[in-house]
Amino acid sequence: MRFTRRSGILFHPTSLAGTPGIGTLGKGAYKFADWLHEAHQTLWQILPLGPTGYGDSPYASFSTFAGNPLLIDLDMLAGKGWADKADIIPPGYITTDGKIDFGSVVWWKIPVLFTCAGYFLMHCSKVDRTAYEVFKNDNAAWLNGYADFTSIKQYYDEEARKAGISGVKGMWNSFWPRDLASCNPAAVSKWDSGHTLDIEKIKVIQFFFAEQWFSLKRYVNSLGIDIIGDIPIFVAPDSADVWASQQFFQLDAHGVPENVAGVPPDYFSATGQLWGNPLYDWKAMKADNYSWWSARIGRILQLVDCVRIDHFRGFEAYWSIPYGEPTAVNGEWIKGPGIDLFNAIKKALGDIPIIAEDLGVITDEVRALRDTCGFPGMKVLQFAFDPKEAGSEGMKNSFLPHEYDTANCVVYTGTHDNDTMQGWLEKASDKTVQLVAEYVTGREMTETEARSMAADRELCARMVQTAVASTAVYAVVPMQDILQLDNCARMNVPSTTGTNWSWRMDKDALTEKNAAHLAFLSALYGRNLK
């Protein structure tokens, strides 16, 4: 898949301002698309679109195929006659600005969406009913399992709450009745017959999401902007994906993982990272010609124009940790499917526009797999400046633009897992800030002068310019770095929960000045043409 020189912004719709509780696919999203167009940006990168689960993380979704109900714009539903305006008025504790309080938003908005779904079923026109039936038919392969899982989960989550059980002990593989936990067709069919209306409403809510998302995507594409989506390599244990396709995961007879995902100990963590995702049974997947993965990639490429796959190295080899281990120390590297998987996906789908997240400790084998597939990897400018690597022969670091060995890569100032650029500069050592300042200005500078540039936010702006000027085929900058915001606007701190994913942009942030400057940079460095 050939990529051409372009630039864009990393910004998830939940961070849009002006709507109750959380950003949506409503007017604010269209306004953001217009701003991108004004700024001559032709890429909009987002985070995963699935319904968020544990810790409100889009990377721990209840489904890799479904859409996040929280993104649905209620005013748009009412405008189409699919909701009663009286039903969508938010309570006083739901605000239209400030950070997202996911607990409050979920508590309020999910029941409202079920009410709207009921209203739709009672009042929709024949044309809308036909569109809904077409949607159900076209998406039955994942929609039926997702709706069943969500219906059963809602019931038994409440039962677990009443019993004082929470967390992993209340999951489908430990708390649901055995016949439902095993996804027994007869048991699921019996559940369906007793919960017909609830299941239908769950499907209607997915229809709402699809209608709003694809309307927005058509508009974005009409402006010459492509959307870059995102999926993690692994899926959440508490998900319809694992429950409905247990044969493709390393699970025991009770649906409990035998081995789970993570990464081994390294310079940053003496005990590694224990993610806890169930690992794939790659032999079973290969025997089925990797149909689950082809369906997954096919689905995301319906929703977006290009997809970034998180932890790409796991396709070459993955760190397997026995279930129940307290840390990631006692794991082992196991070979993944490698090129065999991508050959099968390409045979099923044709050329697949994929960006490989190849950060961390990457081996020659992983690089060979990435390059054989032709996928661009990632370069992050925050990883480029280590004072220990600045010697008499100049700075040596593969993340520095002058060290890129190929233009087939995507450069970021930072990602959703990093400090904002301004926040990173404020935390960095004086020597690091000095190196940054000298690199982006091309002149010698004292630590004091460099620190002054950082405080004035000039270094943040220069790092954005450096990314856009680089040889990387794509340059993508988080919106927080365009706005030169500090770590109060950070999106995620890995391995923590409670305050992540909650940043919302100020309602007046999309200025003509910022758009004009981005347009200038894109033209100056040849990124303004698709």
Protein backbone atom coordinates (compact mmCIF):
# COMPACT_ATOMS: atom_id res chain seq x y z
CA MET A 1 0.00 0.00 0.00
CA ARG A 2 1.63 3.26 -1.12
CA PHE A 3 1.44 6.18 1.30
CA THR A 4 1.91 9.75 0.06
CA ARG A 5 3.35 12.74 1.93
CA ARG A 6 0.67 14.18 4.23
CA SER A 7 0.05 15.57 7.70
CA GLY A 8 -2.73 15.58 10.25
CA ILE A 9 -3.90 15.70 13.84
CA LEU A 10 -4.35 13.05 16.54
CA PHE A 11 -7.59 13.86 18.34
CA HIS A 12 -10.31 11.56 19.68
CA PRO A 13 -13.96 12.69 19.37
CA THR A 14 -14.57 12.24 23.10
CA SER A 15 -12.33 15.32 23.60
CA LEU A 16 -14.64 17.62 21.64
CA ALA A 17 -16.28 20.39 23.63
CA GLY A 18 -19.80 21.75 23.85
CA THR A 19 -21.91 18.61 24.36
CA PRO A 20 -23.22 17.20 27.64
CA GLY A 21 -20.64 15.17 29.52
CA ILE A 22 -18.49 13.99 26.65
CA GLY A 23 -17.58 14.82 23.06
CA THR A 24 -19.89 13.34 20.42
CA LEU A 25 -20.31 12.86 16.68
CA GLY A 26 -22.47 15.96 16.49
CA LYS A 27 -21.90 19.52 15.30
CA GLY A 28 -18.58 19.84 17.12
CA ALA A 29 -17.11 16.97 15.10
CA TYR A 30 -18.11 18.64 11.84
CA LYS A 31 -16.65 21.93 13.08
CA PHE A 32 -13.38 20.14 13.82
CA ALA A 33 -13.36 18.65 10.31
CA ASP A 34 -13.87 22.12 8.87
CA TRP A 35 -10.94 23.40 10.94
CA LEU A 36 -8.72 20.57 9.68
CA HIS A 37 -9.65 21.50 6.13
CA GLU A 38 -8.89 25.18 6.80
CA ALA A 39 -5.53 24.11 8.22
CA HIS A 40 -4.79 22.05 5.07
CA GLN A 41 -4.58 18.85 7.10
CA THR A 42 -5.58 15.68 5.27
CA LEU A 43 -5.37 13.17 8.14
CA TRP A 44 -7.47 12.83 11.28
CA GLN A 45 -6.20 10.12 13.60
CA ILE A 46 -8.46 8.83 16.35
CA LEU A 47 -8.33 6.21 19.09
CA PRO A 48 -10.32 2.94 18.99
CA LEU A 49 -14.05 3.51 18.50
CA GLY A 50 -15.40 0.58 20.53
CA PRO A 51 -17.56 0.75 23.66
CA THR A 52 -15.18 1.46 26.52
CA GLY A 53 -14.83 -1.02 29.34
CA TYR A 54 -12.49 -1.27 32.31
CA GLY A 55 -10.84 2.02 33.23
CA ASP A 56 -12.77 3.83 30.45
CA SER A 57 -9.96 2.89 28.08
CA PRO A 58 -10.73 2.69 24.36
CA TYR A 59 -8.04 -0.02 24.30
CA ALA A 60 -10.11 -2.22 26.65
CA SER A 61 -13.38 -2.37 24.78
CA PHE A 62 -16.39 -4.64 25.21
CA SER A 63 -16.22 -5.20 21.45
CA THR A 64 -13.67 -4.60 18.72
CA PHE A 65 -16.51 -4.49 16.16
CA ALA A 66 -19.14 -2.29 17.87
CA GLY A 67 -19.24 1.50 18.23
CA ASN A 68 -19.07 3.46 21.48
CA PRO A 69 -22.61 4.51 22.49
CA LEU A 70 -21.20 7.44 24.48
CA LEU A 71 -20.19 9.11 21.19
CA ILE A 72 -23.78 9.25 19.94
CA ASP A 73 -25.10 12.81 19.73
CA LEU A 74 -28.52 13.04 21.38
CA ASP A 75 -29.51 16.31 19.74
CA MET A 76 -28.99 14.72 16.34
CA LEU A 77 -31.24 11.83 17.34
CA ALA A 78 -33.97 14.28 18.30
CA GLY A 79 -33.40 16.24 15.09
CA LYS A 80 -34.09 13.11 13.03
CA GLY A 81 -37.22 12.33 15.03
CA TRP A 82 -35.57 9.32 16.67
CA ALA A 83 -35.82 10.68 20.21
CA ASP A 84 -38.13 12.82 22.30
CA LYS A 85 -36.42 16.10 23.23
CA ALA A 86 -37.84 15.80 26.73
CA ASP A 87 -35.94 12.53 27.24
CA ILE A 88 -32.48 13.87 26.42
CA ILE A 89 -32.25 16.84 28.78
CA PRO A 90 -29.13 16.25 30.92
CA PRO A 91 -29.26 16.56 34.72
CA GLY A 92 -27.47 19.41 36.43
CA TYR A 93 -24.36 17.38 37.26
CA ILE A 94 -23.63 16.82 33.55
CA THR A 95 -21.71 19.77 32.11
CA THR A 96 -20.64 20.74 28.61
CA ASP A 97 -17.07 21.67 29.51
CA GLY A 98 -14.28 20.50 31.78
CA LYS A 99 -12.92 16.98 31.96
CA ILE A 100 -15.04 13.90 31.33
CA ASP A 101 -16.47 12.20 34.41
CA PHE A 102 -17.06 8.79 32.83
CA GLY A 103 -18.95 7.41 35.81
CA SER A 104 -21.52 10.20 35.68
CA VAL A 105 -21.78 10.13 31.88
CA VAL A 106 -22.38 6.37 31.76
CA TRP A 107 -24.89 6.52 34.63
CA TRP A 108 -26.90 9.19 32.79
CA LYS A 109 -26.41 8.57 29.07
CA ILE A 110 -26.74 4.80 28.67
CA PRO A 111 -30.28 4.67 30.11
CA VAL A 112 -31.18 7.69 27.97
CA LEU A 113 -29.98 5.86 24.86
CA PHE A 114 -32.13 2.85 25.74
CA THR A 115 -35.09 5.21 26.08
CA CYS A 116 -34.27 6.73 22.68
CA ALA A 117 -34.00 3.25 21.16
CA GLY A 118 -37.45 2.41 22.46
CA TYR A 119 -38.79 5.67 21.02
CA PHE A 120 -37.23 4.84 17.65
CA LEU A 121 -38.84 1.40 17.55
CA MET A 122 -42.22 2.94 18.32
CA HIS A 123 -42.10 6.00 16.06
CA CYS A 124 -39.59 5.54 13.23
CA SER A 125 -40.71 5.95 9.61
CA LYS A 126 -40.90 3.07 7.16
CA VAL A 127 -37.76 4.36 5.44
CA ASP A 128 -35.86 4.46 8.72
CA ARG A 129 -37.15 1.03 9.70
CA THR A 130 -35.92 -0.35 6.39
CA ALA A 131 -32.50 1.24 6.93
CA TYR A 132 -32.36 -0.32 10.38
CA GLU A 133 -33.24 -3.77 9.07
CA VAL A 134 -30.56 -3.47 6.39
CA PHE A 135 -28.04 -2.49 9.08
CA LYS A 136 -28.94 -5.53 11.17
CA ASN A 137 -28.64 -7.86 8.20
CA ASP A 138 -25.33 -6.41 7.00
CA ASN A 139 -23.74 -6.58 10.44
CA ALA A 140 -25.29 -9.74 11.83
CA ALA A 141 -21.94 -11.55 11.99
CA TRP A 142 -20.82 -9.41 14.96
CA LEU A 143 -23.98 -7.55 15.99
CA ASN A 144 -25.95 -10.56 17.24
CA GLY A 145 -23.13 -11.76 19.48
CA TYR A 146 -22.46 -8.26 20.79
CA ALA A 147 -26.13 -7.66 21.58
CA ASP A 148 -26.42 -11.01 23.37
CA PHE A 149 -23.24 -10.39 25.36
CA THR A 150 -24.32 -6.88 26.36
CA SER A 151 -27.78 -8.01 27.43
CA ILE A 152 -26.47 -10.89 29.53
CA LYS A 153 -23.68 -8.75 30.97
CA GLN A 154 -26.05 -5.99 32.05
CA TYR A 155 -28.19 -8.50 33.93
CA TYR A 156 -25.37 -10.37 35.66
CA ASP A 157 -23.37 -7.22 36.40
CA GLU A 158 -26.35 -6.09 38.42
CA GLU A 159 -26.60 -9.51 40.10
CA ALA A 160 -22.88 -9.34 40.93
CA ARG A 161 -23.34 -5.86 42.37
CA LYS A 162 -26.17 -7.07 44.59
CA ALA A 163 -23.96 -9.93 45.76
CA GLY A 164 -21.10 -7.55 46.54
CA ILE A 165 -18.92 -8.99 43.78
CA SER A 166 -16.90 -6.71 41.54
CA GLY A 167 -14.06 -6.72 39.06
CA VAL A 168 -12.76 -9.91 37.50
CA LYS A 169 -14.82 -12.09 39.87
CA GLY A 170 -17.97 -10.76 38.22
CA MET A 171 -16.88 -11.46 34.66
CA TRP A 172 -18.66 -13.79 32.27
CA ASN A 173 -16.19 -16.64 32.79
CA SER A 174 -16.58 -16.65 36.57
CA PHE A 175 -20.08 -15.42 37.44
CA TRP A 176 -22.44 -16.23 34.58
CA PRO A 177 -24.27 -19.57 34.49
CA ARG A 178 -22.07 -22.17 32.79
CA ASP A 179 -24.27 -22.64 29.74
CA LEU A 180 -24.32 -18.92 29.03
CA ALA A 181 -20.62 -18.47 29.83
CA SER A 182 -19.78 -21.17 27.30
CA CYS A 183 -21.89 -19.37 24.68
CA ASN A 184 -24.03 -22.50 24.31
CA PRO A 185 -26.32 -21.83 21.30
CA ALA A 186 -29.41 -23.31 22.98
CA ALA A 187 -28.86 -21.28 26.15
CA VAL A 188 -28.23 -18.08 24.23
CA SER A 189 -31.33 -18.68 22.10
CA LYS A 190 -33.38 -19.16 25.27
CA TRP A 191 -31.96 -15.90 26.64
CA ASP A 192 -32.87 -14.13 23.40
CA SER A 193 -36.49 -15.24 23.62
CA GLY A 194 -36.79 -13.86 27.15
CA HIS A 195 -35.06 -10.53 26.49
CA THR A 196 -36.17 -9.64 22.97
CA LEU A 197 -36.84 -5.95 23.53
CA ASP A 198 -33.59 -5.24 25.42
CA ILE A 199 -31.56 -6.99 22.73
CA GLU A 200 -33.37 -5.07 20.02
CA LYS A 201 -32.63 -1.78 21.78
CA ILE A 202 -28.93 -2.65 21.96
CA LYS A 203 -28.95 -3.17 18.20
CA VAL A 204 -30.81 0.11 17.65
CA ILE A 205 -28.14 1.95 19.67
CA GLN A 206 -25.49 0.48 17.37
CA PHE A 207 -27.59 1.64 14.42
CA PHE A 208 -27.60 5.15 15.90
CA PHE A 209 -23.80 5.06 16.15
CA ALA A 210 -23.38 3.76 12.60
CA GLU A 211 -25.68 6.36 11.09
CA GLN A 212 -23.89 9.21 12.84
CA TRP A 213 -20.37 7.87 12.28
CA PHE A 214 -20.75 7.15 8.58
CA SER A 215 -22.45 10.50 8.01
CA LEU A 216 -19.48 12.21 9.67
CA LYS A 217 -16.97 10.07 7.76
CA ARG A 218 -18.60 10.93 4.42
CA TYR A 219 -18.32 14.62 5.28
CA VAL A 220 -14.70 14.31 6.41
CA ASN A 221 -13.76 12.40 3.26
CA SER A 222 -15.54 14.99 1.10
CA LEU A 223 -13.07 17.57 2.47
CA GLY A 224 -10.13 15.48 1.27
CA ILE A 225 -9.39 14.19 4.78
CA ASP A 226 -8.78 10.53 5.57
CA ILE A 227 -9.38 9.03 9.01
CA ILE A 228 -6.71 6.91 10.66
CA GLY A 229 -8.25 4.46 13.10
CA ASP A 230 -6.60 2.40 15.81
CA ILE A 231 -6.90 -1.12 17.20
CA PRO A 232 -4.89 -2.90 19.86
CA ILE A 233 -3.43 -6.27 18.85
CA PHE A 234 -5.19 -7.94 21.80
CA VAL A 235 -8.81 -7.68 22.93
CA ALA A 236 -10.23 -7.28 26.43
CA PRO A 237 -11.00 -10.44 28.41
CA ASP A 238 -14.42 -9.04 29.33
CA SER A 239 -15.62 -8.67 25.76
CA ALA A 240 -18.04 -10.08 23.26
CA ASP A 241 -14.99 -10.87 21.12
CA VAL A 242 -13.63 -13.47 23.55
CA TRP A 243 -17.02 -14.75 24.76
CA ALA A 244 -18.45 -15.35 21.29
CA SER A 245 -15.24 -16.80 19.77
CA GLN A 246 -13.69 -18.77 22.62
CA GLN A 247 -12.26 -21.35 20.21
CA PHE A 248 -9.76 -18.77 18.97
CA PHE A 249 -8.25 -17.94 22.38
CA GLN A 250 -6.03 -19.78 24.85
CA LEU A 251 -8.78 -20.59 27.38
CA ASP A 252 -9.51 -23.56 29.57
CA ALA A 253 -12.82 -25.44 29.62
CA HIS A 254 -14.35 -22.74 31.85
CA GLY A 255 -13.32 -19.79 29.66
CA VAL A 256 -10.46 -18.77 31.96
CA PRO A 257 -7.24 -17.75 30.16
CA GLU A 258 -4.39 -20.24 30.29
CA ASN A 259 -1.84 -17.58 29.34
CA VAL A 260 -2.11 -13.80 29.12
CA ALA A 261 -0.37 -10.93 27.35
CA GLY A 262 2.23 -8.46 28.53
CA VAL A 263 5.82 -7.42 27.98
CA PRO A 264 8.92 -8.60 29.85
CA PRO A 265 11.03 -6.65 32.33
CA ASP A 266 13.07 -3.89 30.78
CA TYR A 267 14.85 -0.63 31.57
CA PHE A 268 11.53 1.01 32.51
CA SER A 269 10.05 -1.76 34.67
CA ALA A 270 11.82 -4.44 36.69
CA THR A 271 8.69 -6.61 36.65
CA GLY A 272 7.54 -5.93 33.09
CA GLN A 273 3.94 -5.11 32.21
CA LEU A 274 1.15 -7.59 32.95
CA TRP A 275 -1.70 -6.63 30.61
CA GLY A 276 -3.90 -9.66 31.27
CA ASN A 277 -5.44 -9.97 27.80
CA PRO A 278 -6.15 -13.56 26.74
CA LEU A 279 -3.74 -14.72 24.05
CA TYR A 280 -4.85 -15.99 20.67
CA ASP A 281 -4.78 -19.66 19.75
CA TRP A 282 -2.94 -19.03 16.50
CA LYS A 283 -3.14 -22.69 15.44
CA ALA A 284 -6.93 -22.59 15.66
CA MET A 285 -7.00 -19.28 13.83
CA LYS A 286 -4.78 -20.60 11.06
CA ALA A 287 -6.98 -23.68 10.67
CA ASP A 288 -9.89 -21.28 10.08
CA ASN A 289 -7.77 -19.29 7.59
CA TYR A 290 -7.59 -16.37 10.06
CA SER A 291 -11.22 -15.48 9.33
CA TRP A 292 -11.67 -13.71 12.69
CA TRP A 293 -8.77 -11.37 11.95
CA SER A 294 -9.92 -10.75 8.38
CA ALA A 295 -13.34 -9.84 9.75
CA ARG A 296 -11.78 -7.56 12.36
CA ILE A 297 -9.58 -5.69 9.88
CA GLY A 298 -12.44 -5.58 7.37
CA ARG A 299 -14.71 -4.01 9.96
CA ILE A 300 -12.27 -1.30 11.04
CA LEU A 301 -11.58 -0.44 7.40
CA GLN A 302 -15.31 0.13 6.95
CA LEU A 303 -15.11 2.69 9.75
CA VAL A 304 -11.81 4.37 8.81
CA ASP A 305 -9.49 4.78 5.84
CA CYS A 306 -6.26 3.51 7.42
CA VAL A 307 -5.59 1.67 10.67
CA ARG A 308 -2.76 1.76 13.19
CA ILE A 309 -2.23 -1.59 14.96
CA ASP A 310 -0.94 -1.26 18.50
CA HIS A 311 1.90 -3.65 19.57
CA PHE A 312 2.65 -4.85 16.06
CA ARG A 313 5.67 -6.77 17.33
CA GLY A 314 3.27 -9.32 18.87
CA PHE A 315 2.57 -10.74 15.43
CA GLU A 316 6.21 -11.84 15.14
CA ALA A 317 6.56 -13.02 18.75
CA TYR A 318 4.53 -12.33 21.88
CA TRP A 319 5.32 -12.49 25.60
CA SER A 320 3.23 -15.29 27.11
CA ILE A 321 2.63 -15.17 30.88
CA PRO A 322 0.90 -18.02 32.75
CA TYR A 323 -2.48 -16.90 34.05
CA GLY A 324 -2.38 -16.00 37.73
CA GLU A 325 1.20 -14.74 37.78
CA PRO A 326 1.47 -11.54 39.86
CA THR A 327 3.92 -9.90 37.43
CA ALA A 328 5.18 -10.31 33.87
CA VAL A 329 8.55 -11.70 34.97
CA ASN A 330 7.79 -15.40 34.47
CA GLY A 331 6.87 -15.33 30.80
CA GLU A 332 8.41 -16.50 27.56
CA TRP A 333 8.58 -15.37 23.96
CA ILE A 334 6.36 -17.43 21.66
CA LYS A 335 6.44 -17.12 17.90
CA GLY A 336 3.38 -15.43 16.37
CA PRO A 337 1.76 -16.03 12.98
CA GLY A 338 4.09 -13.67 11.13
CA ILE A 339 3.58 -13.03 7.44
CA ASP A 340 1.15 -15.94 7.16
CA LEU A 341 -1.55 -13.85 8.87
CA PHE A 342 -1.11 -10.83 6.63
CA ASN A 343 -1.05 -12.93 3.49
CA ALA A 344 -4.41 -14.38 4.51
CA ILE A 345 -5.85 -10.94 5.29
CA LYS A 346 -4.59 -9.55 1.99
CA LYS A 347 -6.11 -12.50 0.12
CA ALA A 348 -9.45 -11.79 1.82
CA LEU A 349 -9.42 -7.99 1.67
CA GLY A 350 -6.84 -6.87 -0.89
CA ASP A 351 -4.33 -4.12 -0.06
CA ILE A 352 -4.64 -3.14 3.59
CA PRO A 353 -3.51 0.37 4.65
CA ILE A 354 -1.88 -0.34 8.02
CA ILE A 355 0.51 1.62 10.23
CA ALA A 356 2.60 -0.64 12.46
CA GLU A 357 3.16 0.55 16.02
CA ASP A 358 6.73 -0.68 16.32
CA LEU A 359 7.87 1.12 19.47
CA GLY A 360 9.80 -0.41 22.34
CA VAL A 361 12.42 -3.15 22.00
CA ILE A 362 12.13 -4.20 18.35
CA THR A 363 14.12 -7.08 16.87
CA ASP A 364 15.42 -7.56 13.35
CA GLU A 365 12.69 -10.16 12.84
CA VAL A 366 9.97 -7.62 13.69
CA ARG A 367 11.50 -5.06 11.34
CA ALA A 368 11.67 -7.68 8.59
CA LEU A 369 7.97 -8.53 9.07
CA ARG A 370 7.00 -4.83 9.00
CA ASP A 371 9.06 -4.18 5.88
CA THR A 372 7.92 -7.33 4.08
CA CYS A 373 4.34 -6.19 4.63
CA GLY A 374 5.31 -2.70 3.45
CA PHE A 375 3.76 -1.09 6.53
CA PRO A 376 5.16 2.24 7.76
CA GLY A 377 6.41 2.18 11.34
CA MET A 378 6.38 4.97 13.92
CA LYS A 379 8.85 7.64 15.00
CA VAL A 380 8.19 9.65 18.18
CA LEU A 381 10.19 12.85 18.67
CA GLN A 382 10.01 12.64 22.46
CA PHE A 383 12.10 9.48 22.25
CA ALA A 384 14.81 11.15 20.15
CA PHE A 385 16.70 13.26 22.68
CA ASP A 386 18.94 11.43 25.12
CA PRO A 387 21.96 13.42 26.30
CA LYS A 388 23.95 10.17 26.65
CA GLU A 389 23.70 9.68 22.87
CA ALA A 390 25.13 13.10 21.99
CA GLY A 391 28.83 12.54 21.25
CA SER A 392 31.58 14.13 19.23
CA GLU A 393 30.13 12.66 16.03
CA GLY A 394 26.73 14.20 16.62
CA MET A 395 23.52 12.76 17.98
CA LYS A 396 22.70 9.15 17.14
CA ASN A 397 19.13 8.09 17.70
CA SER A 398 16.77 6.35 15.27
CA PHE A 399 13.94 8.70 16.26
CA LEU A 400 15.84 11.80 15.12
CA PRO A 401 14.67 12.95 11.67
CA HIS A 402 18.19 13.00 10.22
CA GLU A 403 18.60 9.33 11.24
CA TYR A 404 15.45 8.01 9.51
CA ASP A 405 16.58 5.17 7.24
CA THR A 406 13.37 5.36 5.22
CA ALA A 407 10.58 7.81 4.52
CA ASN A 408 8.09 4.96 4.96
CA CYS A 409 7.28 5.90 8.54
CA VAL A 410 4.88 8.10 10.50
CA VAL A 411 6.36 10.76 12.77
CA TYR A 412 4.58 11.95 15.91
CA THR A 413 5.63 14.58 18.41
CA GLY A 414 4.07 12.23 20.97
CA THR A 415 1.22 9.74 21.24
CA HIS A 416 -1.81 9.35 23.49
CA ASP A 417 0.46 7.48 25.97
CA ASN A 418 3.05 10.26 26.22
CA ASP A 419 3.27 13.50 28.09
CA THR A 420 2.08 16.38 25.99
CA MET A 421 5.08 17.97 24.28
CA GLN A 422 4.92 21.01 26.56
CA GLY A 423 4.53 18.75 29.59
CA TRP A 424 7.51 16.66 28.48
CA LEU A 425 9.70 19.73 28.03
CA GLU A 426 8.75 21.00 31.47
CA LYS A 427 9.76 17.66 33.04
CA ALA A 428 12.89 17.05 30.95
CA SER A 429 16.39 17.72 32.30
CA ASP A 430 18.10 20.99 31.43
CA LYS A 431 20.57 19.08 29.25
CA THR A 432 17.76 17.41 27.30
CA VAL A 433 15.99 20.72 26.76
CA GLN A 434 19.27 22.23 25.59
CA LEU A 435 19.70 19.42 23.03
CA VAL A 436 16.15 19.93 21.80
CA ALA A 437 16.65 23.66 21.43
CA GLU A 438 19.93 23.27 19.56
CA TYR A 439 18.49 20.63 17.26
CA VAL A 440 15.38 22.58 16.26
CA THR A 441 17.12 25.97 15.94
CA GLY A 442 20.46 24.87 14.50
CA ARG A 443 22.53 27.04 16.83
CA GLU A 444 24.46 26.64 20.07
CA MET A 445 22.49 27.54 23.15
CA THR A 446 22.95 27.61 26.92
CA GLU A 447 20.71 25.55 29.18
CA THR A 448 19.21 28.76 30.51
CA GLU A 449 18.35 30.05 27.04
CA ALA A 450 16.84 26.68 26.11
CA ARG A 451 14.77 26.51 29.27
CA SER A 452 13.46 30.01 28.54
CA MET A 453 12.38 28.86 25.05
CA ALA A 454 10.57 25.91 26.62
CA ALA A 455 8.80 28.13 29.15
CA ASP A 456 7.66 30.45 26.36
CA ARG A 457 6.29 27.39 24.52
CA GLU A 458 8.47 28.21 21.53
CA LEU A 459 10.21 24.83 21.74
CA CYS A 460 6.85 23.05 21.61
CA ALA A 461 6.02 24.91 18.40
CA ARG A 462 9.47 24.15 16.97
CA MET A 463 9.03 20.43 17.65
CA VAL A 464 5.75 20.47 15.73
CA GLN A 465 7.57 22.18 12.86
CA THR A 466 10.36 19.58 13.03
CA ALA A 467 7.85 16.75 12.70
CA VAL A 468 6.14 18.35 9.70
CA ALA A 469 9.50 19.13 8.07
CA SER A 470 10.80 15.56 8.43
CA THR A 471 11.08 13.04 5.61
CA ALA A 472 8.43 10.78 7.18
CA VAL A 473 5.61 10.09 4.78
CA TYR A 474 2.99 11.05 7.40
CA ALA A 475 3.38 13.63 10.17
CA VAL A 476 0.72 13.43 12.89
CA VAL A 477 0.60 15.82 15.85
CA PRO A 478 -1.64 15.47 18.93
CA MET A 479 -4.05 18.38 19.20
CA GLN A 480 -2.65 19.17 22.64
CA ASP A 481 0.73 19.94 21.05
CA ILE A 482 -0.85 22.25 18.48
CA LEU A 483 -2.44 24.10 21.41
CA GLN A 484 0.86 23.93 23.38
CA LEU A 485 -0.89 22.51 26.44
CA ASP A 486 0.92 21.08 29.46
CA ASN A 487 0.28 17.74 31.15
CA CYS A 488 -3.09 18.84 32.48
CA ALA A 489 -4.22 17.85 28.97
CA ARG A 490 -2.41 14.49 28.90
CA MET A 491 -4.64 11.73 27.53
CA ASN A 492 -3.26 8.62 29.22
CA VAL A 493 -0.65 7.50 31.73
CA PRO A 494 -0.05 3.79 31.01
CA SER A 495 -0.64 1.29 33.83
CA THR A 496 -2.81 3.75 35.76
CA THR A 497 -6.58 4.21 36.02
CA GLY A 498 -8.96 6.84 37.30
CA THR A 499 -8.07 10.04 35.45
CA ASN A 500 -7.14 8.89 31.94
CA TRP A 501 -8.96 9.61 28.66
CA SER A 502 -10.82 12.53 30.25
CA TRP A 503 -9.32 15.58 28.54
CA ARG A 504 -11.69 17.86 26.61
CA MET A 505 -10.59 20.70 24.38
CA ASP A 506 -11.68 24.24 25.22
CA LYS A 507 -14.66 25.33 23.12
CA ASP A 508 -12.72 28.31 21.72
CA ALA A 509 -9.51 26.41 20.91
CA LEU A 510 -10.00 26.04 17.15
CA THR A 511 -8.62 29.39 16.08
CA GLU A 512 -7.97 30.79 12.63
CA LYS A 513 -4.43 31.64 13.73
CA ASN A 514 -3.58 28.00 14.49
CA ALA A 515 -5.20 26.84 11.26
CA ALA A 516 -3.27 29.40 9.22
CA HIS A 517 0.04 28.40 10.79
CA LEU A 518 -0.57 24.70 10.12
CA ALA A 519 -1.57 25.48 6.54
CA PHE A 520 1.67 27.44 6.13
CA LEU A 521 3.79 24.56 7.49
CA SER A 522 2.01 22.01 5.33
CA ALA A 523 2.60 24.08 2.20
CA LEU A 524 6.19 24.89 3.15
CA TYR A 525 7.11 21.24 3.63
CA GLY A 526 5.03 19.75 0.84
CA ARG A 527 2.29 18.10 2.89
CA ASN A 528 -0.75 20.06 1.75
CA LEU A 529 -1.60 17.90 -1.26
CA LYS A 530 -3.30 14.52 -0.90
